[in-house]
All heavy atoms as atom14 arrays in JSON, in Angstrom:
{
  "sequence": "ILAEVPQRPDDSELPDDAGLVAHVRSCLGDGAATELEWELSRYRSQG",
  "atom14_mask": [
    [1, 1, 1, 1, 1, 1, 1, 1, 0, 0, 0, 0, 0, 0],
    [1, 1, 1, 1, 1, 1, 1, 1, 0, 0, 0, 0, 0, 0],
    [1, 1, 1, 1, 1, 0, 0, 0, 0, 0, 0, 0, 0, 0],
    [1, 1, 1, 1, 1, 1, 1, 1, 1, 0, 0, 0, 0, 0],
    [1, 1, 1, 1, 1, 1, 1, 0, 0, 0, 0, 0, 0, 0],
    [1, 1, 1, 1, 1, 1, 1, 0, 0, 0, 0, 0, 0, 0],
    [1, 1, 1, 1, 1, 1, 1, 1, 1, 0, 0, 0, 0, 0],
    [1, 1, 1, 1, 1, 1, 1, 1, 1, 1, 1, 0, 0, 0],
    [1, 1, 1, 1, 1, 1, 1, 0, 0, 0, 0, 0, 0, 0],
    [1, 1, 1, 1, 1, 1, 1, 1, 0, 0, 0, 0, 0, 0],
    [1, 1, 1, 1, 1, 1, 1, 1, 0, 0, 0, 0, 0, 0],
    [1, 1, 1, 1, 1, 1, 0, 0, 0, 0, 0, 0, 0, 0],
    [1, 1, 1, 1, 1, 1, 1, 1, 1, 0, 0, 0, 0, 0],
    [1, 1, 1, 1, 1, 1, 1, 1, 0, 0, 0, 0, 0, 0],
    [1, 1, 1, 1, 1, 1, 1, 0, 0, 0, 0, 0, 0, 0],
    [1, 1, 1, 1, 1, 1, 1, 1, 0, 0, 0, 0, 0, 0],
    [1, 1, 1, 1, 1, 1, 1, 1, 0, 0, 0, 0, 0, 0],
    [1, 1, 1, 1, 1, 0, 0, 0, 0, 0, 0, 0, 0, 0],
    [1, 1, 1, 1, 0, 0, 0, 0, 0, 0, 0, 0, 0, 0],
    [1, 1, 1, 1, 1, 1, 1, 1, 0, 0, 0, 0, 0, 0],
    [1, 1, 1, 1, 1, 1, 1, 0, 0, 0, 0, 0, 0, 0],
    [1, 1, 1, 1, 1, 0, 0, 0, 0, 0, 0, 0, 0, 0],
    [1, 1, 1, 1, 1, 1, 1, 1, 1, 1, 0, 0, 0, 0],
    [1, 1, 1, 1, 1, 1, 1, 0, 0, 0, 0, 0, 0, 0],
    [1, 1, 1, 1, 1, 1, 1, 1, 1, 1, 1, 0, 0, 0],
    [1, 1, 1, 1, 1, 1, 0, 0, 0, 0, 0, 0, 0, 0],
    [1, 1, 1, 1, 1, 1, 0, 0, 0, 0, 0, 0, 0, 0],
    [1, 1, 1, 1, 1, 1, 1, 1, 0, 0, 0, 0, 0, 0],
    [1, 1, 1, 1, 0, 0, 0, 0, 0, 0, 0, 0, 0, 0],
    [1, 1, 1, 1, 1, 1, 1, 1, 0, 0, 0, 0, 0, 0],
    [1, 1, 1, 1, 0, 0, 0, 0, 0, 0, 0, 0, 0, 0],
    [1, 1, 1, 1, 1, 0, 0, 0, 0, 0, 0, 0, 0, 0],
    [1, 1, 1, 1, 1, 0, 0, 0, 0, 0, 0, 0, 0, 0],
    [1, 1, 1, 1, 1, 1, 1, 0, 0, 0, 0, 0, 0, 0],
    [1, 1, 1, 1, 1, 1, 1, 1, 1, 0, 0, 0, 0, 0],
    [1, 1, 1, 1, 1, 1, 1, 1, 0, 0, 0, 0, 0, 0],
    [1, 1, 1, 1, 1, 1, 1, 1, 1, 0, 0, 0, 0, 0],
    [1, 1, 1, 1, 1, 1, 1, 1, 1, 1, 1, 1, 1, 1],
    [1, 1, 1, 1, 1, 1, 1, 1, 1, 0, 0, 0, 0, 0],
    [1, 1, 1, 1, 1, 1, 1, 1, 0, 0, 0, 0, 0, 0],
    [1, 1, 1, 1, 1, 1, 0, 0, 0, 0, 0, 0, 0, 0],
    [1, 1, 1, 1, 1, 1, 1, 1, 1, 1, 1, 0, 0, 0],
    [1, 1, 1, 1, 1, 1, 1, 1, 1, 1, 1, 1, 0, 0],
    [1, 1, 1, 1, 1, 1, 1, 1, 1, 1, 1, 0, 0, 0],
    [1, 1, 1, 1, 1, 1, 0, 0, 0, 0, 0, 0, 0, 0],
    [1, 1, 1, 1, 1, 1, 1, 1, 1, 0, 0, 0, 0, 0],
    [1, 1, 1, 1, 0, 0, 0, 0, 0, 0, 0, 0, 0, 0]
  ],
  "atom14_positions": [
    [[0.85, -1.2, 0.0], [0.0, 0.02, 0.0], [0.89, 1.24, 0.0], [1.84, 1.34, 0.81], [-0.95, 0.05, 1.24], [-1.98, -1.07, 1.14], [-1.64, 1.41, 1.34], [-2.91, -1.15, 2.35], [0.0, 0.0, 0.0], [0.0, 0.0, 0.0], [0.0, 0.0, 0.0], [0.0, 0.0, 0.0], [0.0, 0.0, 0.0], [0.0, 0.0, 0.0]],
    [[0.61, 2.17, -0.91], [1.24, 3.48, -0.89], [0.19, 4.48, -0.49], [-0.84, 4.66, -1.22], [1.81, 3.84, -2.29], [2.39, 5.23, -2.42], [3.61, 5.42, -1.49], [2.83, 5.5, -3.85], [0.0, 0.0, 0.0], [0.0, 0.0, 0.0], [0.0, 0.0, 0.0], [0.0, 0.0, 0.0], [0.0, 0.0, 0.0], [0.0, 0.0, 0.0]],
    [[0.34, 5.14, 0.66], [-0.68, 5.97, 1.21], [-0.19, 7.37, 1.51], [0.94, 7.56, 1.89], [-1.27, 5.35, 2.51], [0.0, 0.0, 0.0], [0.0, 0.0, 0.0], [0.0, 0.0, 0.0], [0.0, 0.0, 0.0], [0.0, 0.0, 0.0], [0.0, 0.0, 0.0], [0.0, 0.0, 0.0], [0.0, 0.0, 0.0], [0.0, 0.0, 0.0]],
    [[-1.09, 8.31, 1.29], [-0.83, 9.72, 1.67], [-1.56, 9.94, 2.97], [-2.76, 9.72, 3.09], [-1.35, 10.66, 0.64], [-1.18, 12.15, 0.96], [-1.94, 13.07, 0.03], [-3.18, 13.09, 0.08], [-1.25, 13.75, -0.79], [0.0, 0.0, 0.0], [0.0, 0.0, 0.0], [0.0, 0.0, 0.0], [0.0, 0.0, 0.0], [0.0, 0.0, 0.0]],
    [[-0.8, 10.4, 3.99], [-1.39, 10.62, 5.3], [-1.26, 12.08, 5.68], [-0.12, 12.6, 5.93], [-0.68, 9.77, 6.41], [-1.32, 9.92, 7.76], [-0.67, 8.3, 5.96], [0.0, 0.0, 0.0], [0.0, 0.0, 0.0], [0.0, 0.0, 0.0], [0.0, 0.0, 0.0], [0.0, 0.0, 0.0], [0.0, 0.0, 0.0], [0.0, 0.0, 0.0]],
    [[-2.32, 12.84, 5.73], [-2.28, 14.25, 6.13], [-2.05, 14.41, 7.61], [-2.34, 13.51, 8.4], [-3.64, 14.8, 5.67], [-4.53, 13.61, 5.73], [-3.74, 12.43, 5.39], [0.0, 0.0, 0.0], [0.0, 0.0, 0.0], [0.0, 0.0, 0.0], [0.0, 0.0, 0.0], [0.0, 0.0, 0.0], [0.0, 0.0, 0.0], [0.0, 0.0, 0.0]],
    [[-1.58, 15.52, 7.98], [-1.47, 15.84, 9.42], [-2.81, 16.03, 10.05], [-3.77, 16.45, 9.38], [-0.61, 17.14, 9.62], [0.88, 16.99, 9.34], [1.58, 16.21, 10.43], [1.01, 15.88, 11.48], [2.87, 15.95, 10.25], [0.0, 0.0, 0.0], [0.0, 0.0, 0.0], [0.0, 0.0, 0.0], [0.0, 0.0, 0.0], [0.0, 0.0, 0.0]],
    [[-2.93, 15.72, 11.3], [-4.18, 15.91, 12.01], [-4.53, 17.37, 12.04], [-3.66, 18.23, 12.36], [-4.1, 15.33, 13.44], [-5.28, 15.69, 14.28], [-5.23, 14.98, 15.62], [-6.27, 15.51, 16.55], [-6.74, 14.82, 17.57], [-6.25, 13.6, 17.86], [-7.64, 15.33, 18.36], [0.0, 0.0, 0.0], [0.0, 0.0, 0.0], [0.0, 0.0, 0.0]],
    [[-5.8, 17.74, 11.76], [-6.17, 19.16, 11.8], [-6.1, 19.72, 13.23], [-6.12, 18.96, 14.22], [-7.64, 19.16, 11.29], [-7.82, 17.79, 10.61], [-6.88, 16.87, 11.3], [0.0, 0.0, 0.0], [0.0, 0.0, 0.0], [0.0, 0.0, 0.0], [0.0, 0.0, 0.0], [0.0, 0.0, 0.0], [0.0, 0.0, 0.0], [0.0, 0.0, 0.0]],
    [[-6.07, 21.03, 13.34], [-6.16, 21.62, 14.63], [-7.51, 21.33, 15.28], [-8.48, 21.06, 14.59], [-6.02, 23.21, 14.52], [-4.63, 23.55, 14.04], [-3.71, 22.79, 14.31], [-4.5, 24.6, 13.4], [0.0, 0.0, 0.0], [0.0, 0.0, 0.0], [0.0, 0.0, 0.0], [0.0, 0.0, 0.0], [0.0, 0.0, 0.0], [0.0, 0.0, 0.0]],
    [[-7.54, 21.38, 16.61], [-8.75, 21.04, 17.32], [-9.94, 21.87, 16.88], [-11.09, 21.41, 16.85], [-8.56, 21.17, 18.83], [-7.61, 20.1, 19.38], [-7.38, 19.1, 18.67], [-7.13, 20.26, 20.52], [0.0, 0.0, 0.0], [0.0, 0.0, 0.0], [0.0, 0.0, 0.0], [0.0, 0.0, 0.0], [0.0, 0.0, 0.0], [0.0, 0.0, 0.0]],
    [[-9.65, 23.13, 16.51], [-10.72, 24.02, 16.13], [-11.33, 23.62, 14.76], [-12.43, 24.05, 14.4], [-10.2, 25.46, 16.03], [-9.14, 25.55, 15.08], [0.0, 0.0, 0.0], [0.0, 0.0, 0.0], [0.0, 0.0, 0.0], [0.0, 0.0, 0.0], [0.0, 0.0, 0.0], [0.0, 0.0, 0.0], [0.0, 0.0, 0.0], [0.0, 0.0, 0.0]],
    [[-10.58, 22.79, 14.01], [-11.07, 22.42, 12.68], [-11.68, 21.0, 12.7], [-12.15, 20.5, 11.65], [-9.88, 22.42, 11.67], [-9.27, 23.78, 11.48], [-8.05, 23.78, 10.61], [-7.65, 22.69, 10.18], [-7.5, 24.83, 10.34], [0.0, 0.0, 0.0], [0.0, 0.0, 0.0], [0.0, 0.0, 0.0], [0.0, 0.0, 0.0], [0.0, 0.0, 0.0]],
    [[-11.67, 20.32, 13.82], [-12.28, 18.99, 13.9], [-13.77, 19.13, 13.83], [-14.4, 20.12, 14.25], [-11.89, 18.32, 15.2], [-10.41, 17.98, 15.36], [-10.11, 17.42, 16.76], [-9.97, 16.93, 14.3], [0.0, 0.0, 0.0], [0.0, 0.0, 0.0], [0.0, 0.0, 0.0], [0.0, 0.0, 0.0], [0.0, 0.0, 0.0], [0.0, 0.0, 0.0]],
    [[-14.46, 18.12, 13.26], [-15.93, 18.18, 13.14], [-16.6, 18.14, 14.55], [-16.04, 17.6, 15.5], [-16.29, 16.94, 12.34], [-15.12, 16.01, 12.51], [-13.93, 16.89, 12.63], [0.0, 0.0, 0.0], [0.0, 0.0, 0.0], [0.0, 0.0, 0.0], [0.0, 0.0, 0.0], [0.0, 0.0, 0.0], [0.0, 0.0, 0.0], [0.0, 0.0, 0.0]],
    [[-17.78, 18.73, 14.66], [-18.53, 18.7, 15.92], [-19.13, 17.31, 16.08], [-18.89, 16.4, 15.28], [-19.59, 19.79, 15.96], [-20.57, 19.67, 14.76], [-20.6, 18.65, 14.07], [-21.34, 20.64, 14.54], [0.0, 0.0, 0.0], [0.0, 0.0, 0.0], [0.0, 0.0, 0.0], [0.0, 0.0, 0.0], [0.0, 0.0, 0.0], [0.0, 0.0, 0.0]],
    [[-19.94, 17.14, 17.1], [-20.53, 15.8, 17.42], [-21.36, 15.29, 16.21], [-21.22, 14.17, 15.85], [-21.42, 15.93, 18.62], [-20.61, 16.14, 19.92], [-19.37, 16.18, 19.84], [-21.25, 16.24, 21.0], [0.0, 0.0, 0.0], [0.0, 0.0, 0.0], [0.0, 0.0, 0.0], [0.0, 0.0, 0.0], [0.0, 0.0, 0.0], [0.0, 0.0, 0.0]],
    [[-22.18, 16.15, 15.67], [-23.0, 15.76, 14.53], [-22.18, 15.38, 13.32], [-22.46, 14.42, 12.62], [-24.01, 16.84, 14.16], [0.0, 0.0, 0.0], [0.0, 0.0, 0.0], [0.0, 0.0, 0.0], [0.0, 0.0, 0.0], [0.0, 0.0, 0.0], [0.0, 0.0, 0.0], [0.0, 0.0, 0.0], [0.0, 0.0, 0.0], [0.0, 0.0, 0.0]],
    [[-21.09, 16.14, 13.08], [-20.25, 15.85, 11.97], [-19.48, 14.5, 12.14], [-19.35, 13.73, 11.18], [0.0, 0.0, 0.0], [0.0, 0.0, 0.0], [0.0, 0.0, 0.0], [0.0, 0.0, 0.0], [0.0, 0.0, 0.0], [0.0, 0.0, 0.0], [0.0, 0.0, 0.0], [0.0, 0.0, 0.0], [0.0, 0.0, 0.0], [0.0, 0.0, 0.0]],
    [[-19.07, 14.22, 13.38], [-18.37, 12.96, 13.64], [-19.32, 11.78, 13.44], [-18.99, 10.78, 12.85], [-17.82, 12.97, 15.04], [-17.14, 11.67, 15.54], [-15.97, 11.3, 14.63], [-16.65, 11.83, 16.97], [0.0, 0.0, 0.0], [0.0, 0.0, 0.0], [0.0, 0.0, 0.0], [0.0, 0.0, 0.0], [0.0, 0.0, 0.0], [0.0, 0.0, 0.0]],
    [[-20.54, 11.95, 13.98], [-21.55, 10.87, 13.84], [-21.87, 10.64, 12.37], [-21.97, 9.49, 11.93], [-22.85, 11.23, 14.63], [-23.95, 10.24, 14.27], [-22.55, 11.2, 16.12], [0.0, 0.0, 0.0], [0.0, 0.0, 0.0], [0.0, 0.0, 0.0], [0.0, 0.0, 0.0], [0.0, 0.0, 0.0], [0.0, 0.0, 0.0], [0.0, 0.0, 0.0]],
    [[-22.01, 11.69, 11.6], [-22.33, 11.53, 10.17], [-21.16, 10.86, 9.44], [-21.41, 10.01, 8.54], [-22.58, 12.93, 9.54], [0.0, 0.0, 0.0], [0.0, 0.0, 0.0], [0.0, 0.0, 0.0], [0.0, 0.0, 0.0], [0.0, 0.0, 0.0], [0.0, 0.0, 0.0], [0.0, 0.0, 0.0], [0.0, 0.0, 0.0], [0.0, 0.0, 0.0]],
    [[-19.94, 11.2, 9.82], [-18.77, 10.53, 9.2], [-18.76, 9.02, 9.5], [-18.52, 8.18, 8.64], [-17.5, 11.18, 9.67], [-16.25, 10.56, 9.11], [-15.92, 10.59, 7.8], [-15.26, 9.86, 9.75], [-14.77, 9.97, 7.59], [-14.38, 9.49, 8.75], [0.0, 0.0, 0.0], [0.0, 0.0, 0.0], [0.0, 0.0, 0.0], [0.0, 0.0, 0.0]],
    [[-18.97, 8.7, 10.75], [-19.01, 7.28, 11.14], [-20.16, 6.55, 10.45], [-19.98, 5.38, 10.01], [-19.14, 7.15, 12.7], [-19.36, 5.72, 13.08], [-17.89, 7.68, 13.37], [0.0, 0.0, 0.0], [0.0, 0.0, 0.0], [0.0, 0.0, 0.0], [0.0, 0.0, 0.0], [0.0, 0.0, 0.0], [0.0, 0.0, 0.0], [0.0, 0.0, 0.0]],
    [[-21.27, 7.2, 10.33], [-22.42, 6.57, 9.68], [-22.12, 6.29, 8.19], [-22.47, 5.22, 7.66], [-23.69, 7.43, 9.77], [-24.92, 6.84, 9.04], [-26.16, 7.61, 9.33], [-26.7, 7.24, 10.66], [-26.72, 8.06, 11.68], [-26.22, 9.32, 11.6], [-27.25, 7.67, 12.86], [0.0, 0.0, 0.0], [0.0, 0.0, 0.0], [0.0, 0.0, 0.0]],
    [[-21.45, 7.19, 7.5], [-21.14, 7.03, 6.1], [-20.15, 5.92, 5.87], [-20.12, 5.32, 4.78], [-20.62, 8.32, 5.53], [-19.32, 8.65, 6.04], [0.0, 0.0, 0.0], [0.0, 0.0, 0.0], [0.0, 0.0, 0.0], [0.0, 0.0, 0.0], [0.0, 0.0, 0.0], [0.0, 0.0, 0.0], [0.0, 0.0, 0.0], [0.0, 0.0, 0.0]],
    [[-19.35, 5.59, 6.9], [-18.34, 4.54, 6.76], [-18.77, 3.2, 7.34], [-18.59, 2.17, 6.71], [-17.01, 5.0, 7.43], [-16.27, 6.48, 6.74], [0.0, 0.0, 0.0], [0.0, 0.0, 0.0], [0.0, 0.0, 0.0], [0.0, 0.0, 0.0], [0.0, 0.0, 0.0], [0.0, 0.0, 0.0], [0.0, 0.0, 0.0], [0.0, 0.0, 0.0]],
    [[-19.29, 3.22, 8.54], [-19.57, 1.98, 9.26], [-21.06, 1.66, 9.35], [-21.4, 0.58, 9.91], [-18.99, 2.06, 10.7], [-17.45, 2.29, 10.76], [-17.0, 2.33, 12.22], [-16.72, 1.26, 9.95], [0.0, 0.0, 0.0], [0.0, 0.0, 0.0], [0.0, 0.0, 0.0], [0.0, 0.0, 0.0], [0.0, 0.0, 0.0], [0.0, 0.0, 0.0]],
    [[-21.92, 2.55, 8.94], [-23.34, 2.26, 8.95], [-24.04, 2.81, 10.2], [-23.44, 3.44, 11.09], [0.0, 0.0, 0.0], [0.0, 0.0, 0.0], [0.0, 0.0, 0.0], [0.0, 0.0, 0.0], [0.0, 0.0, 0.0], [0.0, 0.0, 0.0], [0.0, 0.0, 0.0], [0.0, 0.0, 0.0], [0.0, 0.0, 0.0], [0.0, 0.0, 0.0]],
    [[-25.36, 2.45, 10.26], [-26.18, 3.04, 11.3], [-25.86, 2.49, 12.7], [-26.02, 3.2, 13.71], [-27.67, 2.75, 10.99], [-28.18, 3.6, 9.83], [-27.6, 4.68, 9.59], [-29.11, 3.19, 9.14], [0.0, 0.0, 0.0], [0.0, 0.0, 0.0], [0.0, 0.0, 0.0], [0.0, 0.0, 0.0], [0.0, 0.0, 0.0], [0.0, 0.0, 0.0]],
    [[-25.42, 1.23, 12.78], [-25.22, 0.64, 14.1], [-24.18, 1.37, 14.9], [-24.45, 1.83, 16.02], [0.0, 0.0, 0.0], [0.0, 0.0, 0.0], [0.0, 0.0, 0.0], [0.0, 0.0, 0.0], [0.0, 0.0, 0.0], [0.0, 0.0, 0.0], [0.0, 0.0, 0.0], [0.0, 0.0, 0.0], [0.0, 0.0, 0.0], [0.0, 0.0, 0.0]],
    [[-22.99, 1.51, 14.38], [-21.89, 2.2, 15.1], [-22.21, 3.68, 15.27], [-21.95, 4.26, 16.36], [-20.59, 2.05, 14.34], [0.0, 0.0, 0.0], [0.0, 0.0, 0.0], [0.0, 0.0, 0.0], [0.0, 0.0, 0.0], [0.0, 0.0, 0.0], [0.0, 0.0, 0.0], [0.0, 0.0, 0.0], [0.0, 0.0, 0.0], [0.0, 0.0, 0.0]],
    [[-22.87, 4.3, 14.29], [-23.15, 5.71, 14.36], [-24.21, 6.01, 15.44], [-24.1, 6.97, 16.2], [-23.61, 6.22, 13.03], [0.0, 0.0, 0.0], [0.0, 0.0, 0.0], [0.0, 0.0, 0.0], [0.0, 0.0, 0.0], [0.0, 0.0, 0.0], [0.0, 0.0, 0.0], [0.0, 0.0, 0.0], [0.0, 0.0, 0.0], [0.0, 0.0, 0.0]],
    [[-25.21, 5.16, 15.47], [-26.3, 5.32, 16.47], [-25.79, 5.19, 17.89], [-26.14, 5.94, 18.81], [-27.43, 4.31, 16.22], [-27.95, 4.52, 14.9], [-28.58, 4.49, 17.22], [0.0, 0.0, 0.0], [0.0, 0.0, 0.0], [0.0, 0.0, 0.0], [0.0, 0.0, 0.0], [0.0, 0.0, 0.0], [0.0, 0.0, 0.0], [0.0, 0.0, 0.0]],
    [[-24.93, 4.19, 18.09], [-24.35, 4.0, 19.4], [-23.49, 5.22, 19.82], [-23.55, 5.66, 21.0], [-23.5, 2.73, 19.44], [-22.87, 2.42, 20.78], [-22.02, 1.15, 20.77], [-22.07, 0.45, 19.74], [-21.38, 0.83, 21.79], [0.0, 0.0, 0.0], [0.0, 0.0, 0.0], [0.0, 0.0, 0.0], [0.0, 0.0, 0.0], [0.0, 0.0, 0.0]],
    [[-22.68, 5.69, 18.92], [-21.82, 6.89, 19.18], [-22.71, 8.07, 19.48], [-22.44, 8.83, 20.41], [-20.9, 7.16, 18.0], [-20.12, 8.43, 18.07], [-19.15, 8.44, 19.24], [-19.32, 8.64, 16.77], [0.0, 0.0, 0.0], [0.0, 0.0, 0.0], [0.0, 0.0, 0.0], [0.0, 0.0, 0.0], [0.0, 0.0, 0.0], [0.0, 0.0, 0.0]],
    [[-23.75, 8.29, 18.67], [-24.64, 9.43, 18.86], [-25.32, 9.34, 20.22], [-25.46, 10.37, 20.93], [-25.7, 9.43, 17.73], [-26.6, 10.66, 17.77], [-27.54, 10.64, 16.57], [-27.89, 9.53, 16.09], [-27.93, 11.74, 16.15], [0.0, 0.0, 0.0], [0.0, 0.0, 0.0], [0.0, 0.0, 0.0], [0.0, 0.0, 0.0], [0.0, 0.0, 0.0]],
    [[-25.75, 8.14, 20.64], [-26.42, 8.0, 21.91], [-25.49, 8.28, 23.06], [-25.86, 8.99, 24.01], [-26.98, 6.55, 22.05], [-27.67, 6.26, 23.32], [-28.97, 6.59, 23.66], [-27.11, 5.69, 24.5], [-29.25, 6.18, 24.95], [-28.1, 5.64, 25.48], [-25.83, 5.17, 24.78], [-27.89, 5.12, 26.77], [-25.61, 4.63, 26.06], [-26.61, 4.62, 27.02]],
    [[-24.25, 7.81, 22.98], [-23.3, 8.05, 24.09], [-22.96, 9.51, 24.18], [-22.9, 10.06, 25.3], [-22.01, 7.24, 23.83], [-22.17, 5.74, 24.07], [-20.85, 5.01, 23.99], [-20.47, 4.61, 22.89], [-20.2, 4.86, 25.06], [0.0, 0.0, 0.0], [0.0, 0.0, 0.0], [0.0, 0.0, 0.0], [0.0, 0.0, 0.0], [0.0, 0.0, 0.0]],
    [[-22.67, 10.16, 23.04], [-22.37, 11.6, 23.12], [-23.54, 12.4, 23.65], [-23.34, 13.31, 24.49], [-22.02, 12.07, 21.68], [-20.65, 11.67, 21.14], [-20.53, 12.06, 19.67], [-19.53, 12.3, 21.96], [0.0, 0.0, 0.0], [0.0, 0.0, 0.0], [0.0, 0.0, 0.0], [0.0, 0.0, 0.0], [0.0, 0.0, 0.0], [0.0, 0.0, 0.0]],
    [[-24.76, 12.07, 23.25], [-25.97, 12.78, 23.69], [-26.12, 12.6, 25.2], [-26.45, 13.54, 25.92], [-27.17, 12.29, 22.92], [-28.34, 12.88, 23.43], [0.0, 0.0, 0.0], [0.0, 0.0, 0.0], [0.0, 0.0, 0.0], [0.0, 0.0, 0.0], [0.0, 0.0, 0.0], [0.0, 0.0, 0.0], [0.0, 0.0, 0.0], [0.0, 0.0, 0.0]],
    [[-25.88, 11.36, 25.71], [-26.04, 11.1, 27.11], [-25.01, 11.9, 27.94], [-25.41, 12.49, 28.97], [-25.88, 9.6, 27.36], [-26.01, 9.14, 28.82], [-26.12, 7.64, 28.99], [-24.96, 7.01, 28.43], [-23.92, 6.65, 29.19], [-23.87, 6.97, 30.48], [-22.87, 6.02, 28.66], [0.0, 0.0, 0.0], [0.0, 0.0, 0.0], [0.0, 0.0, 0.0]],
    [[-23.76, 11.89, 27.47], [-22.77, 12.65, 28.22], [-23.1, 14.16, 28.2], [-22.98, 14.85, 29.2], [-21.38, 12.43, 27.61], [-20.81, 11.07, 27.87], [-20.12, 10.39, 26.85], [-20.96, 10.43, 29.11], [-19.58, 9.12, 27.09], [-20.41, 9.15, 29.36], [-19.74, 8.5, 28.33], [-19.21, 7.27, 28.56], [0.0, 0.0, 0.0], [0.0, 0.0, 0.0]],
    [[-23.5, 14.67, 27.07], [-23.79, 16.12, 26.98], [-24.96, 16.47, 27.82], [-24.99, 17.56, 28.51], [-24.09, 16.49, 25.51], [-22.94, 16.27, 24.54], [-21.75, 17.1, 24.84], [-20.76, 17.01, 23.74], [-19.5, 17.42, 23.86], [-19.07, 18.01, 24.96], [-18.66, 17.3, 22.84], [0.0, 0.0, 0.0], [0.0, 0.0, 0.0], [0.0, 0.0, 0.0]],
    [[-26.02, 15.66, 27.87], [-27.2, 15.9, 28.68], [-26.9, 15.87, 30.16], [-27.62, 16.58, 30.93], [-28.31, 14.94, 28.35], [-27.94, 13.6, 28.7], [0.0, 0.0, 0.0], [0.0, 0.0, 0.0], [0.0, 0.0, 0.0], [0.0, 0.0, 0.0], [0.0, 0.0, 0.0], [0.0, 0.0, 0.0], [0.0, 0.0, 0.0], [0.0, 0.0, 0.0]],
    [[-25.87, 15.12, 30.53], [-25.49, 15.05, 31.95], [-24.5, 16.13, 32.32], [-24.11, 16.26, 33.51], [-24.84, 13.68, 32.24], [-25.79, 12.51, 32.09], [-25.05, 11.16, 32.23], [-23.81, 11.11, 32.21], [-25.81, 10.07, 32.31], [0.0, 0.0, 0.0], [0.0, 0.0, 0.0], [0.0, 0.0, 0.0], [0.0, 0.0, 0.0], [0.0, 0.0, 0.0]],
    [[-24.08, 16.94, 31.34], [-23.07, 17.96, 31.58], [-21.69, 17.39, 31.74], [-20.8, 18.08, 32.2], [0.0, 0.0, 0.0], [0.0, 0.0, 0.0], [0.0, 0.0, 0.0], [0.0, 0.0, 0.0], [0.0, 0.0, 0.0], [0.0, 0.0, 0.0], [0.0, 0.0, 0.0], [0.0, 0.0, 0.0], [0.0, 0.0, 0.0], [0.0, 0.0, 0.0]]
  ]
}
């Protein structure tokens, strides 16, 4: 494999929760994305 690996973006450029969930859904499907979305939502709602 010959791969191009970009540097990790700055924290300010990383996707928000919804963007991360959408990315996971587009790659791994609804199962992994729904679980991630539920966990993030639970933590956020608890502060």
